[in-house]
Amino acid sequence: MPDWHLYLVRTRDGRLYTGIATDVVRRIAEHAAGGVRGAKSLRSRGPLELAYEVRLGSRKLALRAEHRLKKLSRPQKQAIVEGSPGEGELLALLAVEPD
């Protein structure tokens, strides 16, 4: 069973995109390529920069954390990028119960 990661990508215009993947490097390459496997919202917004990544383990946990993180304001997301919390701290910040 692969480990799932939650990540934030910064676009050329400073936006923060939130996603989950088992291979973050590969996933960002898919986004950057702009093809059918990349997110539409990231097309023509490159170059893309990995701003934050944390291993969360299960897909279920990563999905719950992603959902909560997407609801945060831009300044709150920026604080997470700057603080670079580990798994436990991030889950506490997002009020997500670990599996």
N, C-alpha and C. Protein backbone atom coordinates (compact mmCIF):
# COMPACT_ATOMS: atom_id res chain seq x y z
N MET A 1 0.85 -1.18 0.00
CA MET A 1 0.00 0.00 0.00
C MET A 1 0.90 1.25 0.00
N PRO A 2 0.76 2.10 -1.02
CA PRO A 2 1.64 3.27 -1.11
C PRO A 2 1.27 4.36 -0.10
N ASP A 3 2.28 5.15 0.26
CA ASP A 3 2.04 6.30 1.14
C ASP A 3 1.52 7.47 0.32
N TRP A 4 0.51 8.13 0.83
CA TRP A 4 -0.05 9.31 0.18
C TRP A 4 0.52 10.56 0.81
N HIS A 5 0.75 11.55 -0.03
CA HIS A 5 1.31 12.83 0.39
C HIS A 5 0.33 13.95 0.05
N LEU A 6 0.29 14.95 0.88
CA LEU A 6 -0.45 16.18 0.60
C LEU A 6 0.60 17.21 0.18
N TYR A 7 0.29 18.00 -0.85
CA TYR A 7 1.27 18.98 -1.31
C TYR A 7 0.59 20.29 -1.69
N LEU A 8 1.38 21.36 -1.65
CA LEU A 8 0.97 22.67 -2.13
C LEU A 8 1.96 23.10 -3.20
N VAL A 9 1.44 23.55 -4.33
CA VAL A 9 2.26 24.02 -5.44
C VAL A 9 1.99 25.51 -5.62
N ARG A 10 3.07 26.29 -5.75
CA ARG A 10 2.93 27.72 -6.02
C ARG A 10 3.06 27.95 -7.52
N THR A 11 2.12 28.73 -8.07
CA THR A 11 2.14 29.05 -9.50
C THR A 11 2.91 30.34 -9.73
N ARG A 12 3.12 30.66 -11.00
CA ARG A 12 3.84 31.87 -11.38
C ARG A 12 3.21 33.12 -10.77
N ASP A 13 1.87 33.16 -10.67
CA ASP A 13 1.19 34.33 -10.13
C ASP A 13 0.98 34.26 -8.61
N GLY A 14 1.62 33.29 -7.96
CA GLY A 14 1.59 33.21 -6.50
C GLY A 14 0.45 32.42 -5.90
N ARG A 15 -0.41 31.86 -6.72
CA ARG A 15 -1.51 31.05 -6.20
C ARG A 15 -0.97 29.75 -5.62
N LEU A 16 -1.72 29.20 -4.66
CA LEU A 16 -1.34 27.93 -4.05
C LEU A 16 -2.38 26.88 -4.43
N TYR A 17 -1.92 25.83 -5.08
CA TYR A 17 -2.77 24.71 -5.49
C TYR A 17 -2.53 23.56 -4.52
N THR A 18 -3.60 22.94 -4.05
CA THR A 18 -3.51 21.83 -3.10
C THR A 18 -3.85 20.52 -3.80
N GLY A 19 -3.07 19.48 -3.52
CA GLY A 19 -3.35 18.18 -4.10
C GLY A 19 -2.78 17.06 -3.25
N ILE A 20 -3.10 15.82 -3.64
CA ILE A 20 -2.55 14.63 -2.99
C ILE A 20 -2.01 13.71 -4.07
N ALA A 21 -1.00 12.93 -3.72
CA ALA A 21 -0.40 11.99 -4.67
C ALA A 21 0.47 10.99 -3.93
N THR A 22 0.74 9.88 -4.58
CA THR A 22 1.69 8.92 -4.03
C THR A 22 3.10 9.24 -4.48
N ASP A 23 3.22 9.92 -5.61
CA ASP A 23 4.53 10.35 -6.14
C ASP A 23 4.40 11.82 -6.52
N VAL A 24 4.79 12.69 -5.61
CA VAL A 24 4.59 14.13 -5.79
C VAL A 24 5.40 14.68 -6.97
N VAL A 25 6.62 14.23 -7.14
CA VAL A 25 7.46 14.71 -8.24
C VAL A 25 6.80 14.39 -9.58
N ARG A 26 6.32 13.15 -9.72
CA ARG A 26 5.64 12.75 -10.95
C ARG A 26 4.38 13.57 -11.17
N ARG A 27 3.62 13.79 -10.10
CA ARG A 27 2.35 14.52 -10.20
C ARG A 27 2.58 15.97 -10.62
N ILE A 28 3.59 16.61 -10.07
CA ILE A 28 3.89 17.99 -10.45
C ILE A 28 4.34 18.04 -11.91
N ALA A 29 5.10 17.04 -12.34
CA ALA A 29 5.51 16.97 -13.75
C ALA A 29 4.29 16.85 -14.65
N GLU A 30 3.28 16.07 -14.23
CA GLU A 30 2.04 15.95 -15.00
C GLU A 30 1.33 17.30 -15.08
N HIS A 31 1.27 18.00 -13.96
CA HIS A 31 0.65 19.33 -13.94
C HIS A 31 1.42 20.27 -14.88
N ALA A 32 2.74 20.27 -14.78
CA ALA A 32 3.57 21.18 -15.57
C ALA A 32 3.46 20.90 -17.07
N ALA A 33 3.28 19.63 -17.43
CA ALA A 33 3.17 19.25 -18.84
C ALA A 33 1.89 19.81 -19.46
N GLY A 34 0.88 20.04 -18.62
CA GLY A 34 -0.36 20.64 -19.11
C GLY A 34 -1.24 19.72 -19.91
N GLY A 35 -0.97 18.45 -19.92
CA GLY A 35 -1.78 17.50 -20.68
C GLY A 35 -3.06 17.12 -19.95
N VAL A 36 -3.68 16.05 -20.40
CA VAL A 36 -4.95 15.62 -19.82
C VAL A 36 -4.80 15.11 -18.39
N ARG A 37 -3.60 14.73 -17.98
CA ARG A 37 -3.40 14.22 -16.62
C ARG A 37 -3.17 15.34 -15.60
N GLY A 38 -2.87 16.54 -16.06
CA GLY A 38 -2.64 17.67 -15.16
C GLY A 38 -3.94 18.40 -14.85
N ALA A 39 -3.95 19.15 -13.76
CA ALA A 39 -5.13 19.92 -13.37
C ALA A 39 -5.34 21.09 -14.34
N LYS A 40 -6.60 21.27 -14.76
CA LYS A 40 -6.92 22.35 -15.68
C LYS A 40 -6.57 23.71 -15.08
N SER A 41 -6.77 23.85 -13.78
CA SER A 41 -6.51 25.13 -13.12
C SER A 41 -5.04 25.53 -13.13
N LEU A 42 -4.14 24.59 -13.44
CA LEU A 42 -2.71 24.88 -13.45
C LEU A 42 -2.15 25.10 -14.86
N ARG A 43 -2.98 24.87 -15.86
CA ARG A 43 -2.51 25.06 -17.23
C ARG A 43 -2.17 26.51 -17.48
N SER A 44 -1.05 26.74 -18.10
CA SER A 44 -0.51 28.06 -18.44
C SER A 44 -0.25 28.93 -17.21
N ARG A 45 -0.05 28.31 -16.04
CA ARG A 45 0.27 29.06 -14.83
C ARG A 45 1.70 28.76 -14.35
N GLY A 46 2.47 28.05 -15.17
CA GLY A 46 3.82 27.69 -14.78
C GLY A 46 4.77 28.85 -14.89
N PRO A 47 5.98 28.71 -14.38
CA PRO A 47 6.49 27.48 -13.80
C PRO A 47 5.88 27.19 -12.43
N LEU A 48 5.81 25.90 -12.11
CA LEU A 48 5.25 25.46 -10.84
C LEU A 48 6.38 25.16 -9.86
N GLU A 49 6.15 25.51 -8.61
CA GLU A 49 7.15 25.29 -7.57
C GLU A 49 6.50 24.55 -6.40
N LEU A 50 7.11 23.44 -5.99
CA LEU A 50 6.62 22.73 -4.82
C LEU A 50 6.88 23.59 -3.59
N ALA A 51 5.80 24.00 -2.93
CA ALA A 51 5.92 24.89 -1.77
C ALA A 51 5.89 24.13 -0.46
N TYR A 52 5.19 22.97 -0.43
CA TYR A 52 5.04 22.22 0.82
C TYR A 52 4.64 20.80 0.48
N GLU A 53 5.14 19.87 1.26
CA GLU A 53 4.78 18.45 1.10
C GLU A 53 4.88 17.77 2.45
N VAL A 54 3.92 16.88 2.71
CA VAL A 54 3.96 16.08 3.93
C VAL A 54 3.37 14.70 3.64
N ARG A 55 4.01 13.67 4.17
CA ARG A 55 3.51 12.30 4.02
C ARG A 55 2.42 12.07 5.05
N LEU A 56 1.27 11.56 4.59
CA LEU A 56 0.16 11.32 5.51
C LEU A 56 -0.21 9.85 5.63
N GLY A 57 0.28 9.02 4.75
CA GLY A 57 0.00 7.58 4.85
C GLY A 57 -1.17 7.15 3.98
N SER A 58 -2.34 7.02 4.56
CA SER A 58 -3.48 6.48 3.82
C SER A 58 -4.13 7.52 2.90
N ARG A 59 -4.74 7.02 1.85
CA ARG A 59 -5.46 7.90 0.91
C ARG A 59 -6.63 8.58 1.60
N LYS A 60 -7.32 7.84 2.45
CA LYS A 60 -8.46 8.39 3.18
C LYS A 60 -8.05 9.60 4.03
N LEU A 61 -6.96 9.47 4.75
CA LEU A 61 -6.47 10.56 5.58
C LEU A 61 -6.02 11.74 4.71
N ALA A 62 -5.33 11.45 3.61
CA ALA A 62 -4.87 12.52 2.71
C ALA A 62 -6.05 13.27 2.11
N LEU A 63 -7.10 12.56 1.74
CA LEU A 63 -8.30 13.21 1.18
C LEU A 63 -8.97 14.12 2.21
N ARG A 64 -9.07 13.65 3.44
CA ARG A 64 -9.69 14.47 4.49
C ARG A 64 -8.88 15.74 4.76
N ALA A 65 -7.55 15.59 4.81
CA ALA A 65 -6.68 16.74 5.04
C ALA A 65 -6.74 17.70 3.86
N GLU A 66 -6.74 17.18 2.65
CA GLU A 66 -6.84 18.02 1.45
C GLU A 66 -8.13 18.83 1.46
N HIS A 67 -9.22 18.19 1.80
CA HIS A 67 -10.52 18.85 1.85
C HIS A 67 -10.49 20.02 2.83
N ARG A 68 -9.94 19.79 4.01
CA ARG A 68 -9.85 20.86 5.02
C ARG A 68 -8.91 21.98 4.59
N LEU A 69 -7.77 21.60 4.01
CA LEU A 69 -6.78 22.59 3.60
C LEU A 69 -7.33 23.50 2.49
N LYS A 70 -8.09 22.92 1.58
CA LYS A 70 -8.66 23.71 0.48
C LYS A 70 -9.63 24.77 0.99
N LYS A 71 -10.21 24.58 2.16
CA LYS A 71 -11.15 25.55 2.72
C LYS A 71 -10.46 26.73 3.40
N LEU A 72 -9.15 26.63 3.63
CA LEU A 72 -8.43 27.69 4.31
C LEU A 72 -8.22 28.89 3.39
N SER A 73 -8.03 30.05 4.00
CA SER A 73 -7.74 31.26 3.23
C SER A 73 -6.29 31.21 2.73
N ARG A 74 -5.98 32.08 1.79
CA ARG A 74 -4.62 32.14 1.25
C ARG A 74 -3.60 32.44 2.35
N PRO A 75 -3.86 33.42 3.25
CA PRO A 75 -2.89 33.67 4.33
C PRO A 75 -2.70 32.45 5.25
N GLN A 76 -3.75 31.69 5.50
CA GLN A 76 -3.62 30.50 6.33
C GLN A 76 -2.78 29.43 5.62
N LYS A 77 -2.99 29.27 4.32
CA LYS A 77 -2.19 28.32 3.55
C LYS A 77 -0.73 28.77 3.53
N GLN A 78 -0.51 30.07 3.36
CA GLN A 78 0.85 30.59 3.34
C GLN A 78 1.55 30.33 4.68
N ALA A 79 0.80 30.45 5.78
CA ALA A 79 1.38 30.18 7.11
C ALA A 79 1.81 28.72 7.21
N ILE A 80 1.05 27.82 6.61
CA ILE A 80 1.42 26.40 6.61
C ILE A 80 2.70 26.20 5.80
N VAL A 81 2.78 26.84 4.65
CA VAL A 81 4.00 26.74 3.83
C VAL A 81 5.20 27.23 4.62
N GLU A 82 5.06 28.38 5.26
CA GLU A 82 6.18 28.97 6.00
C GLU A 82 6.54 28.16 7.24
N GLY A 83 5.54 27.62 7.93
CA GLY A 83 5.79 26.83 9.14
C GLY A 83 6.23 25.41 8.86
N SER A 84 5.88 24.90 7.67
CA SER A 84 6.23 23.55 7.24
C SER A 84 5.98 22.50 8.33
N PRO A 85 4.72 22.41 8.82
CA PRO A 85 4.44 21.45 9.89
C PRO A 85 4.55 20.00 9.43
N GLY A 86 4.93 19.15 10.35
CA GLY A 86 4.96 17.72 10.09
C GLY A 86 3.55 17.15 10.11
N GLU A 87 3.44 15.87 9.93
CA GLU A 87 2.13 15.21 9.83
C GLU A 87 1.23 15.50 11.02
N GLY A 88 1.70 15.23 12.22
CA GLY A 88 0.87 15.41 13.42
C GLY A 88 0.43 16.84 13.62
N GLU A 89 1.36 17.77 13.44
CA GLU A 89 1.04 19.19 13.63
C GLU A 89 0.04 19.66 12.58
N LEU A 90 0.20 19.23 11.32
CA LEU A 90 -0.74 19.63 10.27
C LEU A 90 -2.13 19.10 10.56
N LEU A 91 -2.22 17.82 10.94
CA LEU A 91 -3.52 17.24 11.22
C LEU A 91 -4.20 17.96 12.38
N ALA A 92 -3.43 18.37 13.38
CA ALA A 92 -3.99 19.14 14.50
C ALA A 92 -4.48 20.50 14.03
N LEU A 93 -3.69 21.17 13.19
CA LEU A 93 -4.08 22.48 12.65
C LEU A 93 -5.37 22.39 11.85
N LEU A 94 -5.53 21.29 11.13
CA LEU A 94 -6.71 21.12 10.27
C LEU A 94 -7.86 20.43 11.00
N ALA A 95 -7.65 20.04 12.24
CA ALA A 95 -8.64 19.31 13.03
C ALA A 95 -9.08 18.04 12.33
N VAL A 96 -8.10 17.28 11.85
CA VAL A 96 -8.35 15.99 11.19
C VAL A 96 -7.83 14.90 12.10
N GLU A 97 -8.66 13.93 12.40
CA GLU A 97 -8.26 12.80 13.25
C GLU A 97 -7.43 11.82 12.44
N PRO A 98 -6.27 11.41 12.94
CA PRO A 98 -5.46 10.42 12.22
C PRO A 98 -6.18 9.07 12.19
N ASP A 99 -5.82 8.25 11.19
CA ASP A 99 -6.43 6.91 11.06
C ASP A 99 -6.05 6.04 12.22
